[in-house]
């Protein structure tokens, strides 16, 4: 199928890595040492990550899904337990709960796309063991009400921060609030690598020690295994790439914030035809990082088609909520159970937001959206 001649791309990886020499030099050093598994760069990156985001422990794993899955296993979440999360996340959130043996239970979300604490409390049963708030699209979940609920009901809190390295809530980085948190280094994340990778963060010393066993077969050392576990280690080569990208995260997130502010300004006159969700629903200061920039319109499909014809790459994250996926049929949910999430899925449009956009690109996108609204 012929590809459109994009004028404004959503994907930016070819721009980010068009001069890969500094990454390749680091890989060459590792190759000469043959230090590929749990190597020095992986250990160094764990320390860098923990220090940068003000968290006591960072444990590198194979991907963001494993970061959640292994956290559940290390916390003892098992078959028969229930874990509450949002239905509007990427399917990996619920998938990690299910493959750990527990039952995903959903609670509706707010206008900022994050889980509604009031809905969380209503979803708690005698079988609930944990809450998984998702910091979605780079927006922080409202952590203090969630932590209060968890404390009153004696529940674990595992943050799904896959899309949210460097997001702040009340002047603290996400990933530092719950019992544990999972981050992703997938190529489309803010801290991204050349494949899959992830990180678990925790301030709990005993849990960190257990997680290091869970990610490496349960091995105490080369010859002694404490318990049978999984193999999910962040590759040394990928850790080296992540370390370089991490050093640039402030500049990249600041550029995205500038892009988002320009979008906000240029699209503000289109309400209610084009809705920009509120980002100030928390009662504390927050700093989103705009992993994605998502607007809402009743003419979702028509706008995406129009933008494509103008050479603008726009997407939907995520068109089918998790509770309506075939994989979730056994949970017994139906359309209408989570109206806010479902309405968002029918109206969301993700616009390009990456750090390589120029102001003229954003003006071009916004002019196209204005043209669409005039014609429709």
Protein backbone atom coordinates (compact mmCIF):
# COMPACT_ATOMS: atom_id res chain seq x y z
CA UNK A 1 0.00 0.00 0.00
CA UNK A 2 1.32 3.42 -0.95
CA UNK A 3 2.36 5.49 2.06
CA UNK A 4 1.22 9.11 2.42
CA UNK A 5 3.71 11.86 1.75
CA UNK A 6 3.84 13.06 5.35
CA UNK A 7 4.52 16.73 6.00
CA UNK A 8 4.21 16.38 9.78
CA UNK A 9 5.09 12.96 11.18
CA UNK A 10 3.94 11.46 14.46
CA UNK A 11 6.95 9.12 14.52
CA UNK A 12 10.31 10.81 15.11
CA UNK A 13 12.87 8.01 15.63
CA UNK A 14 14.75 8.55 12.38
CA UNK A 15 15.36 12.14 13.47
CA UNK A 16 16.36 11.23 16.99
CA UNK A 17 18.90 8.62 15.91
CA UNK A 18 20.01 9.94 12.51
CA UNK A 19 23.54 10.48 13.91
CA UNK A 20 24.06 7.26 15.89
CA UNK A 21 27.85 7.45 16.26
CA UNK A 22 27.88 8.21 20.00
CA UNK A 23 25.58 5.26 20.67
CA UNK A 24 27.62 2.96 18.44
CA UNK A 25 30.86 3.92 20.15
CA UNK A 26 29.38 2.85 23.48
CA UNK A 27 28.11 -0.39 22.01
CA UNK A 28 31.55 -1.04 20.55
CA UNK A 29 33.12 -0.71 24.02
CA UNK A 30 30.64 -3.21 25.43
CA UNK A 31 31.21 -5.62 22.55
CA UNK A 32 34.97 -5.56 23.09
CA UNK A 33 34.44 -6.45 26.76
CA UNK A 34 31.73 -9.03 26.07
CA UNK A 35 29.78 -7.55 28.98
CA UNK A 36 26.24 -8.16 27.70
CA UNK A 37 24.19 -9.43 30.66
CA UNK A 38 23.74 -7.40 33.87
CA UNK A 39 26.88 -5.55 32.84
CA UNK A 40 28.49 -2.40 34.16
CA UNK A 41 26.41 -0.02 32.04
CA UNK A 42 23.21 -1.69 33.27
CA UNK A 43 24.27 -1.28 36.89
CA UNK A 44 25.35 2.31 36.32
CA UNK A 45 22.09 3.17 34.57
CA UNK A 46 20.02 1.79 37.45
CA UNK A 47 21.89 4.09 39.83
CA UNK A 48 21.53 7.07 37.45
CA UNK A 49 17.81 6.48 37.05
CA UNK A 50 17.16 6.17 40.78
CA UNK A 51 19.19 9.29 41.56
CA UNK A 52 17.64 11.41 38.80
CA UNK A 53 14.08 10.66 39.87
CA UNK A 54 14.61 10.66 43.63
CA UNK A 55 13.87 6.99 44.20
CA UNK A 56 15.88 4.61 46.37
CA UNK A 57 16.04 1.60 44.03
CA UNK A 58 15.79 1.08 40.27
CA UNK A 59 15.84 -2.46 38.85
CA UNK A 60 16.29 -2.85 35.09
CA UNK A 61 14.06 -5.44 33.38
CA UNK A 62 13.24 -6.64 29.89
CA UNK A 63 10.26 -4.36 29.21
CA UNK A 64 7.59 -2.22 30.83
CA UNK A 65 5.07 -5.07 30.99
CA UNK A 66 7.52 -7.22 32.94
CA UNK A 67 8.12 -4.26 35.25
CA UNK A 68 4.47 -4.51 36.33
CA UNK A 69 4.23 -8.32 36.19
CA UNK A 70 7.32 -8.86 38.32
CA UNK A 71 6.15 -6.23 40.81
CA UNK A 72 2.89 -8.15 41.24
CA UNK A 73 4.73 -11.43 41.71
CA UNK A 74 7.21 -9.99 44.19
CA UNK A 75 4.37 -8.47 46.22
CA UNK A 76 2.64 -11.84 46.41
CA UNK A 77 -0.35 -11.00 44.23
CA UNK A 78 -1.82 -14.27 43.04
CA UNK A 79 -4.79 -16.17 41.67
CA UNK A 80 -8.02 -15.14 43.36
CA UNK A 81 -6.82 -11.60 44.04
CA UNK A 82 -8.30 -8.52 42.40
CA UNK A 83 -6.31 -5.53 41.17
CA UNK A 84 -8.02 -2.26 40.26
CA UNK A 85 -6.81 -0.24 37.27
CA UNK A 86 -8.05 2.02 34.46
CA UNK A 87 -9.76 0.63 31.33
CA UNK A 88 -8.24 3.24 28.99
CA UNK A 89 -4.58 2.21 29.23
CA UNK A 90 -2.57 0.16 26.76
CA UNK A 91 -3.60 -3.50 27.15
CA UNK A 92 -0.29 -4.36 28.87
CA UNK A 93 -1.55 -2.95 32.18
CA UNK A 94 -4.44 -5.39 32.50
CA UNK A 95 -2.42 -8.09 30.75
CA UNK A 96 0.27 -7.98 33.43
CA UNK A 97 -2.38 -8.29 36.15
CA UNK A 98 -4.02 -11.25 34.41
CA UNK A 99 -0.81 -13.12 33.64
CA UNK A 100 0.27 -12.70 37.26
CA UNK A 101 -2.87 -14.71 38.09
CA UNK A 102 -5.05 -11.92 39.45
CA UNK A 103 -8.32 -10.53 38.12
CA UNK A 104 -8.27 -7.05 36.55
CA UNK A 105 -11.03 -4.82 37.93
CA UNK A 106 -11.64 -1.51 36.19
CA UNK A 107 -12.59 1.95 37.46
CA UNK A 108 -13.57 4.83 35.19
CA UNK A 109 -11.32 7.79 34.46
CA UNK A 110 -11.51 11.60 34.61
CA UNK A 111 -11.23 14.26 31.93
CA UNK A 112 -7.42 14.20 32.31
CA UNK A 113 -7.44 10.49 31.26
CA UNK A 114 -6.30 9.25 34.69
CA UNK A 115 -8.20 6.92 37.02
CA UNK A 116 -10.93 8.50 39.15
CA UNK A 117 -10.18 7.94 42.88
CA UNK A 118 -13.90 7.94 43.72
CA UNK A 119 -14.49 5.17 41.17
CA UNK A 120 -11.54 3.24 42.64
CA UNK A 121 -13.07 3.22 46.10
CA UNK A 122 -16.40 1.95 44.75
CA UNK A 123 -14.63 -0.94 42.98
CA UNK A 124 -12.98 -2.33 46.14
CA UNK A 125 -14.12 -5.75 47.38
CA UNK A 126 -12.87 -8.22 49.96
CA UNK A 127 -10.64 -9.71 47.24
CA UNK A 128 -8.90 -6.45 46.25
CA UNK A 129 -5.15 -6.52 46.88
CA UNK A 130 -3.79 -3.61 44.88
CA UNK A 131 -4.47 -0.45 42.87
CA UNK A 132 -2.60 0.32 39.65
CA UNK A 133 -2.98 4.00 38.75
CA UNK A 134 -1.79 4.73 35.21
CA UNK A 135 0.07 7.95 34.50
CA UNK A 136 -1.38 8.04 31.01
CA UNK A 137 -0.07 10.07 28.05
CA UNK A 138 2.42 11.71 30.43
CA UNK A 139 -0.33 12.98 32.79
CA UNK A 140 0.09 12.04 36.47
CA UNK A 141 -2.68 10.17 38.24
CA UNK A 142 -4.05 11.86 41.38
CA UNK A 143 -1.80 9.99 43.80
CA UNK A 144 -2.70 11.40 47.23
CA UNK A 145 -6.38 10.34 47.18
CA UNK A 146 -5.33 6.95 45.77
CA UNK A 147 -2.68 6.46 48.47
CA UNK A 148 -5.24 7.43 51.12
CA UNK A 149 -7.69 4.84 49.81
CA UNK A 150 -4.94 2.20 49.71
CA UNK A 151 -3.91 2.94 53.29
CA UNK A 152 -7.47 2.71 54.60
CA UNK A 153 -8.07 -0.61 52.83
CA UNK A 154 -4.56 -2.06 53.32
CA UNK A 155 -3.82 -2.29 49.59
CA UNK A 156 -0.63 -2.15 47.55
CA UNK A 157 -0.15 0.67 45.04
CA UNK A 158 1.84 -0.15 41.90
CA UNK A 159 2.22 2.83 39.57
CA UNK A 160 2.06 2.20 35.84
CA UNK A 161 4.49 4.90 34.77
CA UNK A 162 5.33 3.30 31.41
CA UNK A 163 4.70 6.58 29.56
CA UNK A 164 5.87 8.93 32.27
CA UNK A 165 9.59 9.13 33.01
CA UNK A 166 10.10 12.61 34.55
CA UNK A 167 6.40 13.41 35.19
CA UNK A 168 5.95 15.29 38.48
CA UNK A 169 3.13 15.33 41.04
CA UNK A 170 3.40 17.76 43.95
CA UNK A 171 7.04 18.43 43.01
CA UNK A 172 7.98 14.74 43.24
CA UNK A 173 8.58 12.39 40.35
CA UNK A 174 6.01 9.69 39.68
CA UNK A 175 7.35 6.26 40.46
CA UNK A 176 8.25 7.38 43.98
CA UNK A 177 4.76 7.26 45.52
CA UNK A 178 3.62 3.63 45.46
CA UNK A 179 5.06 0.37 46.73
CA UNK A 180 6.58 -0.07 43.27
CA UNK A 181 6.34 1.43 39.79
CA UNK A 182 6.93 0.19 36.26
CA UNK A 183 8.52 2.24 33.46
CA UNK A 184 8.98 1.42 29.78
CA UNK A 185 11.86 2.29 27.45
CA UNK A 186 10.01 1.26 24.29
CA UNK A 187 11.17 3.31 21.27
CA UNK A 188 8.12 5.60 21.49
CA UNK A 189 8.66 6.54 25.14
CA UNK A 190 10.40 9.67 26.46
CA UNK A 191 13.41 7.65 27.65
CA UNK A 192 13.65 5.28 24.70
CA UNK A 193 16.02 2.63 23.39
CA UNK A 194 16.63 0.44 20.34
CA UNK A 195 14.17 -2.28 21.30
CA UNK A 196 12.43 -3.24 24.52
CA UNK A 197 13.44 -2.42 28.06
CA UNK A 198 11.93 -1.37 31.37
CA UNK A 199 12.59 -0.33 34.95
CA UNK A 200 11.01 -1.08 38.31
CA UNK A 201 11.40 1.55 41.00
CA UNK A 202 10.75 1.21 44.73
CA UNK A 203 11.77 2.77 48.03
CA UNK A 204 11.39 -0.57 49.82
CA UNK A 205 14.76 -2.26 50.45
CA UNK A 206 13.35 -5.77 50.96
CA UNK A 207 11.14 -5.54 47.88
CA UNK A 208 14.08 -4.32 45.77
CA UNK A 209 16.15 -7.31 46.85
CA UNK A 210 13.29 -9.67 45.99
CA UNK A 211 12.76 -8.00 42.59
CA UNK A 212 16.41 -8.46 41.66
CA UNK A 213 15.88 -12.17 42.25
CA UNK A 214 12.59 -12.27 40.37
CA UNK A 215 14.15 -10.73 37.22
CA UNK A 216 17.11 -13.18 37.19
CA UNK A 217 15.76 -16.72 37.68
CA UNK A 218 15.76 -16.34 41.48
CA UNK A 219 19.53 -16.72 41.47
CA UNK A 220 21.40 -15.73 44.62
CA UNK A 221 24.65 -16.19 42.71
CA UNK A 222 25.78 -18.17 39.68
CA UNK A 223 25.20 -21.55 41.35
CA UNK A 224 22.46 -21.04 43.97
CA UNK A 225 18.78 -20.37 43.30
CA UNK A 226 16.52 -19.11 46.10
CA UNK A 227 13.20 -19.70 44.26
CA UNK A 228 12.17 -20.41 40.69
CA UNK A 229 11.53 -17.12 38.89
CA UNK A 230 11.71 -15.32 35.55
CA UNK A 231 14.36 -14.14 33.12
CA UNK A 232 13.78 -10.45 32.43
CA UNK A 233 16.98 -8.41 32.48
CA UNK A 234 17.66 -5.05 30.87
CA UNK A 235 20.40 -5.68 28.29
CA UNK A 236 23.69 -3.90 28.92
CA UNK A 237 23.67 -2.46 25.39
CA UNK A 238 20.15 -1.08 25.81
CA UNK A 239 21.07 0.38 29.20
CA UNK A 240 23.96 2.24 27.59
CA UNK A 241 21.61 3.73 24.98
CA UNK A 242 19.07 4.64 27.68
CA UNK A 243 21.74 6.38 29.72
CA UNK A 244 22.58 8.71 26.83
CA UNK A 245 18.89 9.44 26.17
CA UNK A 246 18.27 10.03 29.89
CA UNK A 247 20.90 12.76 29.90
CA UNK A 248 18.76 14.66 27.37
CA UNK A 249 15.35 14.10 28.94
CA UNK A 250 14.95 17.61 30.43
CA UNK A 251 15.54 19.33 27.10
CA UNK A 252 13.23 16.93 25.26
CA UNK A 253 10.38 17.29 27.75
CA UNK A 254 10.74 21.08 27.83
CA UNK A 255 10.47 21.21 24.03
CA UNK A 256 7.36 19.02 24.16
CA UNK A 257 5.86 21.31 26.81
CA UNK A 258 6.50 24.30 24.53
CA UNK A 259 4.84 22.47 21.65
CA UNK A 260 1.83 21.61 23.84
CA UNK A 261 1.49 25.22 24.97
CA UNK A 262 1.46 26.36 21.34
CA UNK A 263 -1.19 23.75 20.47
CA UNK A 264 -3.26 24.90 23.46
CA UNK A 265 -3.05 28.50 22.31
CA UNK A 266 -3.82 27.85 18.64
CA UNK A 267 -6.71 25.44 19.28
CA UNK A 268 -8.33 27.23 22.23
CA UNK A 269 -10.92 29.03 20.06
CA UNK A 270 -12.34 25.75 18.74
CA UNK A 271 -14.12 24.66 21.94
CA UNK A 272 -16.42 22.80 22.12
CA UNK A 273 -15.90 21.41 18.60
CA UNK A 274 -12.34 20.50 19.58
CA UNK A 275 -11.86 19.83 23.29
CA UNK A 276 -8.51 20.11 25.07
CA UNK A 277 -8.83 18.07 28.29
CA UNK A 278 -8.06 19.80 31.58
CA UNK A 279 -4.73 19.05 33.24
CA UNK A 280 -5.43 20.76 36.58
CA UNK A 281 -7.82 18.29 38.21
CA UNK A 282 -5.35 17.45 40.99
CA UNK A 283 -5.25 19.69 44.07
CA UNK A 284 -1.44 19.81 43.95
CA UNK A 285 0.97 21.13 41.29
CA UNK A 286 1.60 18.71 38.43
CA UNK A 287 4.09 18.65 35.56
CA UNK A 288 2.97 16.52 32.59
CA UNK A 289 5.54 15.62 29.95
CA UNK A 290 3.32 15.20 26.88
CA UNK A 291 4.31 11.72 25.84
CA UNK A 292 1.18 12.21 23.74
CA UNK A 293 -0.89 15.29 22.93
CA UNK A 294 -4.51 14.22 22.74
CA UNK A 295 -7.55 16.30 21.79
CA UNK A 296 -11.18 15.21 21.54
CA UNK A 297 -13.74 15.71 18.79
CA UNK A 298 -17.09 14.14 17.91
CA UNK A 299 -15.73 13.74 14.36
CA UNK A 300 -12.74 11.60 15.26
CA UNK A 301 -12.52 9.43 12.15
CA UNK A 302 -13.32 12.30 9.80
CA UNK A 303 -10.66 14.55 11.33
CA UNK A 304 -7.98 11.85 11.15
CA UNK A 305 -8.81 11.20 7.49
CA UNK A 306 -8.73 14.94 6.75
CA UNK A 307 -5.37 15.40 8.48
CA UNK A 308 -3.94 12.42 6.59
CA UNK A 309 -4.98 14.02 3.33
CA UNK A 310 -3.09 17.14 4.45
CA UNK A 311 0.04 15.07 5.13
CA UNK A 312 -0.39 15.09 8.91
CA UNK A 313 0.07 11.82 10.79
CA UNK A 314 -2.56 11.58 13.57
CA UNK A 315 -3.54 8.48 15.53
CA UNK A 316 -5.93 7.20 18.23
CA UNK A 317 -4.70 5.96 21.63
CA UNK A 318 -6.59 3.67 22.26
CA UNK A 319 -9.70 3.08 20.09
CA UNK A 320 -11.00 0.00 21.97
CA UNK A 321 -11.02 0.22 25.78
CA UNK A 322 -9.57 -2.79 27.55
CA UNK A 323 -12.89 -3.92 29.05
CA UNK A 324 -14.37 -4.23 25.54
CA UNK A 325 -11.49 -6.28 24.13
CA UNK A 326 -12.06 -9.96 23.32
CA UNK A 327 -9.40 -10.91 25.87
CA UNK A 328 -11.48 -9.28 28.63
CA UNK A 329 -14.79 -11.03 27.86
CA UNK A 330 -14.39 -13.39 30.82
CA UNK A 331 -14.44 -10.38 33.16
CA UNK A 332 -18.10 -9.75 32.29
CA UNK A 333 -17.94 -6.06 31.43
CA UNK A 334 -20.13 -4.49 28.75
CA UNK A 335 -20.40 -1.28 26.77
CA UNK A 336 -21.69 1.48 29.01
CA UNK A 337 -19.91 0.31 32.16
CA UNK A 338 -17.26 3.07 31.97
CA UNK A 339 -18.88 5.95 30.10
CA UNK A 340 -16.07 8.50 30.45
CA UNK A 341 -13.45 6.10 29.13
CA UNK A 342 -15.73 4.94 26.32
CA UNK A 343 -16.59 8.48 25.24
CA UNK A 344 -12.90 9.40 25.18
CA UNK A 345 -12.09 6.37 23.02
CA UNK A 346 -14.69 7.51 20.49
CA UNK A 347 -13.46 11.13 20.37
CA UNK A 348 -9.68 11.14 21.01
CA UNK A 349 -7.18 12.19 18.34
CA UNK A 350 -3.43 12.09 19.03
CA UNK A 351 -1.46 14.85 17.30
CA UNK A 352 2.32 14.91 16.68
CA UNK A 353 4.05 16.42 19.74
CA UNK A 354 7.67 15.26 19.57
CA UNK A 355 10.67 17.46 20.30
CA UNK A 356 11.73 17.72 16.65
CA UNK A 357 8.64 19.64 15.56
CA UNK A 358 9.13 23.25 14.58
CA UNK A 359 6.58 25.98 15.38
CA UNK A 360 5.67 26.10 11.68
CA UNK A 361 4.72 22.39 11.87
CA UNK A 362 2.32 23.03 14.75
CA UNK A 363 0.86 26.06 12.99
CA UNK A 364 0.31 23.87 9.91
CA UNK A 365 -1.49 21.19 11.96
CA UNK A 366 -3.68 23.76 13.74
CA UNK A 367 -4.53 25.56 10.50
CA UNK A 368 -5.65 22.21 9.07
CA UNK A 369 -7.85 21.53 12.12
CA UNK A 370 -9.39 25.01 11.82
CA UNK A 371 -10.05 24.36 8.13
CA UNK A 372 -11.73 21.06 9.01
CA UNK A 373 -13.94 22.71 11.62
CA UNK A 374 -15.00 25.42 9.14
CA UNK A 375 -15.93 22.80 6.55
CA UNK A 376 -17.74 20.61 9.05
